[in-house]
Protein backbone atom coordinates (compact mmCIF):
# COMPACT_ATOMS: atom_id res chain seq x y z
CA MET A 1 0.00 0.00 0.00
CA ARG A 2 2.74 2.49 0.91
CA LYS A 3 4.52 1.82 -2.36
CA HIS A 4 1.47 2.98 -4.34
CA VAL A 5 1.01 6.10 -2.21
CA PHE A 6 4.61 7.21 -2.79
CA SER A 7 4.67 6.32 -6.49
CA GLN A 8 4.40 8.82 -9.35
CA THR A 9 0.87 7.69 -10.15
CA GLY A 10 -0.19 8.07 -6.53
CA ALA A 11 1.30 11.56 -6.39
CA GLU A 12 -0.49 12.57 -9.58
CA TRP A 13 -3.86 11.34 -8.31
CA ALA A 14 -3.30 12.93 -4.90
CA SER A 15 -2.43 16.30 -6.46
CA ALA A 16 -5.46 16.14 -8.75
CA THR A 17 -7.64 15.37 -5.75
CA LEU A 18 -6.08 18.31 -3.91
CA VAL A 19 -7.01 20.68 -6.75
CA PHE A 20 -10.56 19.33 -6.81
CA VAL A 21 -11.10 19.55 -3.05
CA VAL A 22 -9.59 23.03 -2.67
CA SER A 23 -11.63 24.33 -5.60
CA MET A 24 -14.76 22.75 -4.18
CA ILE A 25 -14.22 24.34 -0.77
CA ALA A 26 -13.43 27.75 -2.28
CA GLY A 27 -16.51 27.56 -4.50
CA ARG A 28 -18.74 26.64 -1.59
CA MET A 29 -17.41 29.52 0.49
CA ALA A 30 -17.85 31.89 -2.47
CA ALA A 31 -21.49 30.82 -2.75
CA ASP A 32 -22.03 31.79 0.88
CA GLY A 33 -20.46 35.19 0.28
CA MET A 34 -16.89 36.35 0.83
CA ASN A 35 -15.16 39.71 1.19
CA GLY A 36 -12.13 40.79 -0.83
CA LEU A 37 -9.56 39.40 1.58
CA GLN A 38 -11.26 36.00 1.62
CA TRP A 39 -11.38 36.01 -2.20
CA THR A 40 -7.64 36.67 -2.24
CA GLY A 41 -7.02 33.78 0.14
CA ALA A 42 -9.21 31.44 -1.89
CA LEU A 43 -7.42 32.44 -5.08
CA ALA A 44 -4.05 31.79 -3.43
CA ALA A 45 -5.22 28.37 -2.24
CA VAL A 46 -6.47 27.34 -5.67
CA LEU A 47 -3.35 28.60 -7.44
CA GLY A 48 -1.18 26.87 -4.86
CA SER A 49 -2.89 23.53 -5.38
CA ILE A 50 -2.58 23.92 -9.16
CA THR A 51 1.12 24.67 -8.71
CA VAL A 52 1.53 21.45 -6.73
CA ALA A 53 -0.24 19.46 -9.45
CA VAL A 54 1.93 20.96 -12.20
CA ALA A 55 5.13 20.42 -10.20
CA VAL A 56 4.26 16.75 -9.63
CA ARG A 57 3.81 16.21 -13.34
CA VAL A 58 6.72 18.32 -14.64
CA LEU A 59 9.56 17.68 -12.18
CA PRO A 60 11.35 14.34 -12.54
CA PRO A 61 11.01 11.93 -9.62
CA VAL A 62 13.89 11.91 -7.15
CA ARG A 63 15.84 8.64 -7.19
CA SER A 64 17.59 7.61 -3.99
CA LYS A 65 21.03 6.00 -4.09
CA ALA A 66 20.21 3.49 -1.37
């Protein structure tokens, strides 16, 4: 089980799930009404999760020498 979680495929699925969940939470909070500072925080959270997803797919996996 741990091998799958720490694999490239597991990281890609986890980062995609992160983007989905963060966007869902931000959208729900936006529907309830947010002020400008909250919008800025939500935008930062969504862009941060997208950055994680892109980094997982673009950067090569680190190989240990052990």
